[in-house]
Amino acid sequence: MSEKQTPQCPHCGTAMKKWRTPLNSTWGTEFQWVCFNDDCSYYLRGWEYMWKEQSVKASYRLRMNPETGATGPLPTWSKDAHKDQIIEG
């Protein structure tokens, strides 16, 4: 996956956004691609799943490693969580 190619979320088709990886992260990349569509089915289903399975008010957004293309969840506790680390451009 190239940094110049913006992937689309496989769950909703929305263009994913560059999200700054936290310092000392084990992901080993400067950024991750993340779907920040608040209407994405992956994100919406996460709220119900996390409440049912873990009894917590949380969800997750789809995250993609730009170097490997591997995907996984980015845990989130609110609609606006992590949005302050979106890298524009």
PDB file of N, CA and C in Angstrom:
ATOM      1  N   MET A   1       0.855  -1.178   0.000  1.00  0.00           N
ATOM      2  CA  MET A   1       0.000   0.000   0.000  1.00  0.00           C
ATOM      3  C   MET A   1       0.893   1.230   0.000  1.00  0.00           C
ATOM      4  N   SER A   2       0.700   2.093  -0.919  1.00  0.00           N
ATOM      5  CA  SER A   2       1.485   3.320  -1.038  1.00  0.00           C
ATOM      6  C   SER A   2       0.871   4.417  -0.184  1.00  0.00           C
ATOM      7  N   GLU A   3       1.730   5.295   0.334  1.00  0.00           N
ATOM      8  CA  GLU A   3       1.248   6.428   1.117  1.00  0.00           C
ATOM      9  C   GLU A   3       0.382   7.340   0.259  1.00  0.00           C
ATOM     10  N   LYS A   4       0.606   7.328  -1.054  1.00  0.00           N
ATOM     11  CA  LYS A   4      -0.152   8.188  -1.950  1.00  0.00           C
ATOM     12  C   LYS A   4      -1.501   7.592  -2.339  1.00  0.00           C
ATOM     13  N   GLN A   5      -1.678   6.298  -2.152  1.00  0.00           N
ATOM     14  CA  GLN A   5      -2.946   5.647  -2.464  1.00  0.00           C
ATOM     15  C   GLN A   5      -3.823   5.655  -1.216  1.00  0.00           C
ATOM     16  N   THR A   6      -4.972   6.276  -1.315  1.00  0.00           N
ATOM     17  CA  THR A   6      -5.884   6.309  -0.179  1.00  0.00           C
ATOM     18  C   THR A   6      -6.820   5.112  -0.276  1.00  0.00           C
ATOM     19  N   PRO A   7      -6.731   4.178   0.677  1.00  0.00           N
ATOM     20  CA  PRO A   7      -7.629   3.019   0.616  1.00  0.00           C
ATOM     21  C   PRO A   7      -9.045   3.376   1.019  1.00  0.00           C
ATOM     22  N   GLN A   8      -9.975   2.535   0.599  1.00  0.00           N
ATOM     23  CA  GLN A   8     -11.362   2.687   0.991  1.00  0.00           C
ATOM     24  C   GLN A   8     -11.706   1.619   2.021  1.00  0.00           C
ATOM     25  N   CYS A   9     -12.535   1.989   2.959  1.00  0.00           N
ATOM     26  CA  CYS A   9     -12.977   1.042   3.979  1.00  0.00           C
ATOM     27  C   CYS A   9     -13.786  -0.067   3.308  1.00  0.00           C
ATOM     28  N   PRO A  10     -13.459  -1.325   3.561  1.00  0.00           N
ATOM     29  CA  PRO A  10     -14.209  -2.423   2.951  1.00  0.00           C
ATOM     30  C   PRO A  10     -15.626  -2.580   3.517  1.00  0.00           C
ATOM     31  N   HIS A  11     -15.909  -1.918   4.624  1.00  0.00           N
ATOM     32  CA  HIS A  11     -17.233  -2.025   5.249  1.00  0.00           C
ATOM     33  C   HIS A  11     -18.211  -0.960   4.771  1.00  0.00           C
ATOM     34  N   CYS A  12     -17.687   0.224   4.384  1.00  0.00           N
ATOM     35  CA  CYS A  12     -18.595   1.309   3.992  1.00  0.00           C
ATOM     36  C   CYS A  12     -18.190   2.019   2.697  1.00  0.00           C
ATOM     37  N   GLY A  13     -16.996   1.752   2.200  1.00  0.00           N
ATOM     38  CA  GLY A  13     -16.548   2.352   0.953  1.00  0.00           C
ATOM     39  C   GLY A  13     -16.017   3.773   1.076  1.00  0.00           C
ATOM     40  N   THR A  14     -15.958   4.299   2.291  1.00  0.00           N
ATOM     41  CA  THR A  14     -15.456   5.654   2.518  1.00  0.00           C
ATOM     42  C   THR A  14     -13.927   5.675   2.454  1.00  0.00           C
ATOM     43  N   ALA A  15     -13.381   6.753   1.910  1.00  0.00           N
ATOM     44  CA  ALA A  15     -11.927   6.907   1.891  1.00  0.00           C
ATOM     45  C   ALA A  15     -11.413   6.989   3.327  1.00  0.00           C
ATOM     46  N   MET A  16     -10.386   6.188   3.610  1.00  0.00           N
ATOM     47  CA  MET A  16      -9.810   6.185   4.945  1.00  0.00           C
ATOM     48  C   MET A  16      -8.902   7.404   5.090  1.00  0.00           C
ATOM     49  N   LYS A  17      -8.621   7.784   6.330  1.00  0.00           N
ATOM     50  CA  LYS A  17      -7.791   8.957   6.589  1.00  0.00           C
ATOM     51  C   LYS A  17      -6.504   8.548   7.284  1.00  0.00           C
ATOM     52  N   LYS A  18      -5.466   9.333   7.037  1.00  0.00           N
ATOM     53  CA  LYS A  18      -4.202   9.109   7.736  1.00  0.00           C
ATOM     54  C   LYS A  18      -4.380   9.535   9.182  1.00  0.00           C
ATOM     55  N   TRP A  19      -3.966   8.665  10.094  1.00  0.00           N
ATOM     56  CA  TRP A  19      -4.078   8.930  11.513  1.00  0.00           C
ATOM     57  C   TRP A  19      -2.702   8.744  12.142  1.00  0.00           C
ATOM     58  N   ARG A  20      -2.242   9.755  12.845  1.00  0.00           N
ATOM     59  CA  ARG A  20      -0.918   9.745  13.456  1.00  0.00           C
ATOM     60  C   ARG A  20      -0.822   8.650  14.510  1.00  0.00           C
ATOM     61  N   THR A  21       0.131   7.749  14.321  1.00  0.00           N
ATOM     62  CA  THR A  21       0.358   6.668  15.272  1.00  0.00           C
ATOM     63  C   THR A  21       0.958   7.239  16.560  1.00  0.00           C
ATOM     64  N   PRO A  22       0.476   6.811  17.722  1.00  0.00           N
ATOM     65  CA  PRO A  22       1.020   7.329  18.979  1.00  0.00           C
ATOM     66  C   PRO A  22       2.518   7.013  19.113  1.00  0.00           C
ATOM     67  N   LEU A  23       3.233   7.897  19.807  1.00  0.00           N
ATOM     68  CA  LEU A  23       4.644   7.648  20.093  1.00  0.00           C
ATOM     69  C   LEU A  23       4.792   6.330  20.848  1.00  0.00           C
ATOM     70  N   ASN A  24       5.842   5.634  20.588  1.00  0.00           N
ATOM     71  CA  ASN A  24       6.149   4.353  21.237  1.00  0.00           C
ATOM     72  C   ASN A  24       5.141   3.255  20.921  1.00  0.00           C
ATOM     73  N   SER A  25       4.402   3.431  19.844  1.00  0.00           N
ATOM     74  CA  SER A  25       3.447   2.408  19.424  1.00  0.00           C
ATOM     75  C   SER A  25       4.201   1.182  18.910  1.00  0.00           C
ATOM     76  N   THR A  26       3.626   0.037  19.087  1.00  0.00           N
ATOM     77  CA  THR A  26       4.226  -1.197  18.567  1.00  0.00           C
ATOM     78  C   THR A  26       3.894  -1.409  17.097  1.00  0.00           C
ATOM     79  N   TRP A  27       3.070  -0.528  16.500  1.00  0.00           N
ATOM     80  CA  TRP A  27       2.717  -0.679  15.090  1.00  0.00           C
ATOM     81  C   TRP A  27       3.901  -0.380  14.181  1.00  0.00           C
ATOM     82  N   GLY A  28       4.840   0.454  14.641  1.00  0.00           N
ATOM     83  CA  GLY A  28       6.065   0.687  13.893  1.00  0.00           C
ATOM     84  C   GLY A  28       5.935   1.530  12.635  1.00  0.00           C
ATOM     85  N   THR A  29       4.864   2.282  12.495  1.00  0.00           N
ATOM     86  CA  THR A  29       4.691   3.162  11.341  1.00  0.00           C
ATOM     87  C   THR A  29       4.357   4.564  11.828  1.00  0.00           C
ATOM     88  N   GLU A  30       4.625   5.546  10.975  1.00  0.00           N
ATOM     89  CA  GLU A  30       4.347   6.939  11.313  1.00  0.00           C
ATOM     90  C   GLU A  30       2.840   7.204  11.388  1.00  0.00           C
ATOM     91  N   PHE A  31       2.086   6.494  10.547  1.00  0.00           N
ATOM     92  CA  PHE A  31       0.635   6.666  10.542  1.00  0.00           C
ATOM     93  C   PHE A  31      -0.037   5.341  10.216  1.00  0.00           C
ATOM     94  N   GLN A  32      -1.333   5.301  10.458  1.00  0.00           N
ATOM     95  CA  GLN A  32      -2.199   4.187  10.077  1.00  0.00           C
ATOM     96  C   GLN A  32      -3.345   4.793   9.275  1.00  0.00           C
ATOM     97  N   TRP A  33      -3.911   4.023   8.371  1.00  0.00           N
ATOM     98  CA  TRP A  33      -5.136   4.441   7.696  1.00  0.00           C
ATOM     99  C   TRP A  33      -6.286   4.056   8.613  1.00  0.00           C
ATOM    100  N   VAL A  34      -7.245   4.961   8.815  1.00  0.00           N
ATOM    101  CA  VAL A  34      -8.381   4.687   9.700  1.00  0.00           C
ATOM    102  C   VAL A  34      -9.665   5.186   9.046  1.00  0.00           C
ATOM    103  N   CYS A  35     -10.736   4.402   9.172  1.00  0.00           N
ATOM    104  CA  CYS A  35     -12.050   4.834   8.703  1.00  0.00           C
ATOM    105  C   CYS A  35     -12.706   5.651   9.812  1.00  0.00           C
ATOM    106  N   PHE A  36     -12.960   6.928   9.540  1.00  0.00           N
ATOM    107  CA  PHE A  36     -13.606   7.799  10.513  1.00  0.00           C
ATOM    108  C   PHE A  36     -15.055   8.104  10.144  1.00  0.00           C
ATOM    109  N   ASN A  37     -15.657   7.272   9.302  1.00  0.00           N
ATOM    110  CA  ASN A  37     -17.061   7.442   8.945  1.00  0.00           C
ATOM    111  C   ASN A  37     -17.918   7.000  10.135  1.00  0.00           C
ATOM    112  N   ASP A  38     -18.640   7.938  10.725  1.00  0.00           N
ATOM    113  CA  ASP A  38     -19.471   7.626  11.889  1.00  0.00           C
ATOM    114  C   ASP A  38     -20.677   6.769  11.545  1.00  0.00           C
ATOM    115  N   ASP A  39     -20.943   6.561  10.256  1.00  0.00           N
ATOM    116  CA  ASP A  39     -22.039   5.700   9.826  1.00  0.00           C
ATOM    117  C   ASP A  39     -21.536   4.340   9.321  1.00  0.00           C
ATOM    118  N   CYS A  40     -20.244   4.076   9.451  1.00  0.00           N
ATOM    119  CA  CYS A  40     -19.670   2.800   9.002  1.00  0.00           C
ATOM    120  C   CYS A  40     -20.251   1.645   9.816  1.00  0.00           C
ATOM    121  N   SER A  41     -20.629   0.579   9.142  1.00  0.00           N
ATOM    122  CA  SER A  41     -21.236  -0.564   9.831  1.00  0.00           C
ATOM    123  C   SER A  41     -20.268  -1.216  10.828  1.00  0.00           C
ATOM    124  N   TYR A  42     -18.983  -1.233  10.532  1.00  0.00           N
ATOM    125  CA  TYR A  42     -17.975  -1.805  11.445  1.00  0.00           C
ATOM    126  C   TYR A  42     -17.976  -1.038  12.767  1.00  0.00           C
ATOM    127  N   TYR A  43     -17.954   0.286  12.680  1.00  0.00           N
ATOM    128  CA  TYR A  43     -17.964   1.157  13.855  1.00  0.00           C
ATOM    129  C   TYR A  43     -19.299   1.040  14.608  1.00  0.00           C
ATOM    130  N   LEU A  44     -20.403   1.073  13.902  1.00  0.00           N
ATOM    131  CA  LEU A  44     -21.718   1.013  14.544  1.00  0.00           C
ATOM    132  C   LEU A  44     -21.956  -0.330  15.236  1.00  0.00           C
ATOM    133  N   ARG A  45     -21.589  -1.428  14.586  1.00  0.00           N
ATOM    134  CA  ARG A  45     -21.753  -2.754  15.207  1.00  0.00           C
ATOM    135  C   ARG A  45     -20.877  -2.897  16.449  1.00  0.00           C
ATOM    136  N   GLY A  46     -19.756  -2.205  16.447  1.00  0.00           N
ATOM    137  CA  GLY A  46     -18.822  -2.304  17.569  1.00  0.00           C
ATOM    138  C   GLY A  46     -19.416  -1.880  18.894  1.00  0.00           C
ATOM    139  N   TRP A  47     -20.264  -0.867  18.867  1.00  0.00           N
ATOM    140  CA  TRP A  47     -20.874  -0.409  20.118  1.00  0.00           C
ATOM    141  C   TRP A  47     -21.691  -1.517  20.764  1.00  0.00           C
ATOM    142  N   GLU A  48     -22.529  -2.174  19.991  1.00  0.00           N
ATOM    143  CA  GLU A  48     -23.367  -3.254  20.517  1.00  0.00           C
ATOM    144  C   GLU A  48     -22.511  -4.442  20.960  1.00  0.00           C
ATOM    145  N   TYR A  49     -21.542  -4.797  20.131  1.00  0.00           N
ATOM    146  CA  TYR A  49     -20.680  -5.944  20.448  1.00  0.00           C
ATOM    147  C   TYR A  49     -19.910  -5.721  21.757  1.00  0.00           C
ATOM    148  N   MET A  50     -19.303  -4.554  21.894  1.00  0.00           N
ATOM    149  CA  MET A  50     -18.504  -4.299  23.097  1.00  0.00           C
ATOM    150  C   MET A  50     -19.376  -4.255  24.350  1.00  0.00           C
ATOM    151  N   TRP A  51     -20.601  -3.752  24.234  1.00  0.00           N
ATOM    152  CA  TRP A  51     -21.485  -3.738  25.392  1.00  0.00           C
ATOM    153  C   TRP A  51     -21.899  -5.164  25.758  1.00  0.00           C
ATOM    154  N   LYS A  52     -22.270  -5.936  24.735  1.00  0.00           N
ATOM    155  CA  LYS A  52     -22.724  -7.306  24.961  1.00  0.00           C
ATOM    156  C   LYS A  52     -21.600  -8.202  25.498  1.00  0.00           C
ATOM    157  N   GLU A  53     -20.410  -8.090  24.926  1.00  0.00           N
ATOM    158  CA  GLU A  53     -19.317  -8.993  25.283  1.00  0.00           C
ATOM    159  C   GLU A  53     -18.443  -8.518  26.445  1.00  0.00           C
ATOM    160  N   GLN A  54     -18.300  -7.207  26.608  1.00  0.00           N
ATOM    161  CA  GLN A  54     -17.386  -6.680  27.621  1.00  0.00           C
ATOM    162  C   GLN A  54     -18.054  -5.758  28.646  1.00  0.00           C
ATOM    163  N   SER A  55     -19.326  -5.439  28.433  1.00  0.00           N
ATOM    164  CA  SER A  55     -20.065  -4.511  29.302  1.00  0.00           C
ATOM    165  C   SER A  55     -19.372  -3.150  29.412  1.00  0.00           C
ATOM    166  N   VAL A  56     -18.856  -2.675  28.289  1.00  0.00           N
ATOM    167  CA  VAL A  56     -18.241  -1.348  28.253  1.00  0.00           C
ATOM    168  C   VAL A  56     -18.855  -0.539  27.116  1.00  0.00           C
ATOM    169  N   LYS A  57     -18.939   0.766  27.335  1.00  0.00           N
ATOM    170  CA  LYS A  57     -19.442   1.666  26.301  1.00  0.00           C
ATOM    171  C   LYS A  57     -18.249   2.100  25.453  1.00  0.00           C
ATOM    172  N   ALA A  58     -17.967   1.306  24.453  1.00  0.00           N
ATOM    173  CA  ALA A  58     -16.837   1.542  23.561  1.00  0.00           C
ATOM    174  C   ALA A  58     -17.141   0.893  22.218  1.00  0.00           C
ATOM    175  N   SER A  59     -16.342   1.221  21.234  1.00  0.00           N
ATOM    176  CA  SER A  59     -16.443   0.607  19.921  1.00  0.00           C
ATOM    177  C   SER A  59     -15.045   0.538  19.345  1.00  0.00           C
ATOM    178  N   TYR A  60     -14.958   0.453  18.031  1.00  0.00           N
ATOM    179  CA  TYR A  60     -13.670   0.433  17.343  1.00  0.00           C
ATOM    180  C   TYR A  60     -13.882   0.906  15.919  1.00  0.00           C
ATOM    181  N   ARG A  61     -12.806   1.418  15.348  1.00  0.00           N
ATOM    182  CA  ARG A  61     -12.797   1.838  13.951  1.00  0.00           C
ATOM    183  C   ARG A  61     -11.809   0.950  13.219  1.00  0.00           C
ATOM    184  N   LEU A  62     -12.028   0.779  11.927  1.00  0.00           N
ATOM    185  CA  LEU A  62     -11.129  -0.053  11.148  1.00  0.00           C
ATOM    186  C   LEU A  62      -9.814   0.685  10.919  1.00  0.00           C
ATOM    187  N   ARG A  63      -8.707  -0.004  11.212  1.00  0.00           N
ATOM    188  CA  ARG A  63      -7.366   0.531  11.062  1.00  0.00           C
ATOM    189  C   ARG A  63      -6.608  -0.341  10.075  1.00  0.00           C
ATOM    190  N   MET A  64      -5.784   0.290   9.221  1.00  0.00           N
ATOM    191  CA  MET A  64      -4.993  -0.464   8.246  1.00  0.00           C
ATOM    192  C   MET A  64      -3.534  -0.002   8.295  1.00  0.00           C
ATOM    193  N   ASN A  65      -2.623  -0.958   8.376  1.00  0.00           N
ATOM    194  CA  ASN A  65      -1.198  -0.670   8.339  1.00  0.00           C
ATOM    195  C   ASN A  65      -0.822  -0.291   6.912  1.00  0.00           C
ATOM    196  N   PRO A  66      -0.217   0.885   6.699  1.00  0.00           N
ATOM    197  CA  PRO A  66       0.097   1.323   5.339  1.00  0.00           C
ATOM    198  C   PRO A  66       1.215   0.515   4.674  1.00  0.00           C
ATOM    199  N   GLU A  67       2.020  -0.163   5.461  1.00  0.00           N
ATOM    200  CA  GLU A  67       3.131  -0.932   4.902  1.00  0.00           C
ATOM    201  C   GLU A  67       2.743  -2.355   4.533  1.00  0.00           C
ATOM    202  N   THR A  68       1.861  -2.954   5.327  1.00  0.00           N
ATOM    203  CA  THR A  68       1.524  -4.358   5.110  1.00  0.00           C
ATOM    204  C   THR A  68       0.103  -4.579   4.587  1.00  0.00           C
ATOM    205  N   GLY A  69      -0.770  -3.593   4.795  1.00  0.00           N
ATOM    206  CA  GLY A  69      -2.170  -3.756   4.417  1.00  0.00           C
ATOM    207  C   GLY A  69      -2.979  -4.519   5.449  1.00  0.00           C
ATOM    208  N   ALA A  70      -2.330  -4.949   6.543  1.00  0.00           N
ATOM    209  CA  ALA A  70      -3.037  -5.676   7.603  1.00  0.00           C
ATOM    210  C   ALA A  70      -4.031  -4.754   8.289  1.00  0.00           C
ATOM    211  N   THR A  71      -5.198  -5.283   8.604  1.00  0.00           N
ATOM    212  CA  THR A  71      -6.239  -4.490   9.251  1.00  0.00           C
ATOM    213  C   THR A  71      -6.516  -4.991  10.653  1.00  0.00           C
ATOM    214  N   GLY A  72      -7.122  -4.129  11.447  1.00  0.00           N
ATOM    215  CA  GLY A  72      -7.502  -4.484  12.803  1.00  0.00           C
ATOM    216  C   GLY A  72      -8.302  -3.342  13.402  1.00  0.00           C
ATOM    217  N   PRO A  73      -8.744  -3.524  14.638  1.00  0.00           N
ATOM    218  CA  PRO A  73      -9.550  -2.499  15.286  1.00  0.00           C
ATOM    219  C   PRO A  73      -8.696  -1.417  15.951  1.00  0.00           C
ATOM    220  N   LEU A  74      -9.208  -0.206  15.921  1.00  0.00           N
ATOM    221  CA  LEU A  74      -8.663   0.887  16.715  1.00  0.00           C
ATOM    222  C   LEU A  74      -9.732   1.184  17.767  1.00  0.00           C
ATOM    223  N   PRO A  75      -9.509   0.775  19.022  1.00  0.00           N
ATOM    224  CA  PRO A  75     -10.518   0.998  20.054  1.00  0.00           C
ATOM    225  C   PRO A  75     -10.861   2.478  20.192  1.00  0.00           C
ATOM    226  N   THR A  76     -12.143   2.758  20.414  1.00  0.00           N
ATOM    227  CA  THR A  76     -12.592   4.139  20.586  1.00  0.00           C
ATOM    228  C   THR A  76     -13.659   4.200  21.669  1.00  0.00           C
ATOM    229  N   TRP A  77     -13.660   5.266  22.406  1.00  0.00           N
ATOM    230  CA  TRP A  77     -14.590   5.428  23.525  1.00  0.00           C
ATOM    231  C   TRP A  77     -15.636   6.506  23.261  1.00  0.00           C
ATOM    232  N   SER A  78     -15.493   7.215  22.128  1.00  0.00           N
ATOM    233  CA  SER A  78     -16.485   8.230  21.779  1.00  0.00           C
ATOM    234  C   SER A  78     -16.426   8.509  20.278  1.00  0.00           C
ATOM    235  N   LYS A  79     -17.420   9.212  19.798  1.00  0.00           N
ATOM    236  CA  LYS A  79     -17.494   9.562  18.375  1.00  0.00           C
ATOM    237  C   LYS A  79     -16.298  10.409  17.937  1.00  0.00           C
ATOM    238  N   ASP A  80     -15.799  11.237  18.832  1.00  0.00           N
ATOM    239  CA  ASP A  80     -14.712  12.148  18.477  1.00  0.00           C
ATOM    240  C   ASP A  80     -13.320  11.662  18.879  1.00  0.00           C
ATOM    241  N   ALA A  81     -13.251  10.553  19.591  1.00  0.00           N
ATOM    242  CA  ALA A  81     -11.944  10.040  20.017  1.00  0.00           C
ATOM    243  C   ALA A  81     -11.045   9.802  18.812  1.00  0.00           C
ATOM    244  N   HIS A  82      -9.811  10.179  18.910  1.00  0.00           N
ATOM    245  CA  HIS A  82      -8.757   9.994  17.902  1.00  0.00           C
ATOM    246  C   HIS A  82      -8.827  10.975  16.734  1.00  0.00           C
ATOM    247  N   LYS A  83      -9.909  11.691  16.586  1.00  0.00           N
ATOM    248  CA  LYS A  83     -10.028  12.584  15.429  1.00  0.00           C
ATOM    249  C   LYS A  83      -9.024  13.739  15.488  1.00  0.00           C
ATOM    250  N   ASP A  84      -8.523  14.045  16.664  1.00  0.00           N
ATOM    251  CA  ASP A  84      -7.542  15.127  16.772  1.00  0.00           C
ATOM    252  C   ASP A  84      -6.168  14.730  16.227  1.00  0.00           C
ATOM    253  N   GLN A  85      -6.002  13.457  15.890  1.00  0.00           N
ATOM    254  CA  GLN A  85      -4.729  12.998  15.349  1.00  0.00           C
ATOM    255  C   GLN A  85      -4.802  12.674  13.856  1.00  0.00           C
ATOM    256  N   ILE A  86      -5.877  13.093  13.204  1.00  0.00           N
ATOM    257  CA  ILE A  86      -5.977  12.912  11.742  1.00  0.00           C
ATOM    258  C   ILE A  86      -4.953  13.824  11.082  1.00  0.00           C
ATOM    259  N   ILE A  87      -4.228  13.269  10.141  1.00  0.00           N
ATOM    260  CA  ILE A  87      -3.218  14.020   9.385  1.00  0.00           C
ATOM    261  C   ILE A  87      -3.862  14.459   8.079  1.00  0.00           C
ATOM    262  N   GLU A  88      -4.013  15.743   7.906  1.00  0.00           N
ATOM    263  CA  GLU A  88      -4.632  16.268   6.683  1.00  0.00           C
ATOM    264  C   GLU A  88      -3.625  16.276   5.541  1.00  0.00           C
ATOM    265  N   GLY A  89      -4.140  16.097   4.318  1.00  0.00           N
ATOM    266  CA  GLY A  89      -3.298  16.206   3.127  1.00  0.00           C
ATOM    267  C   GLY A  89      -2.714  14.984   2.714  1.00  0.00           C
TER     268      GLY A  89
END
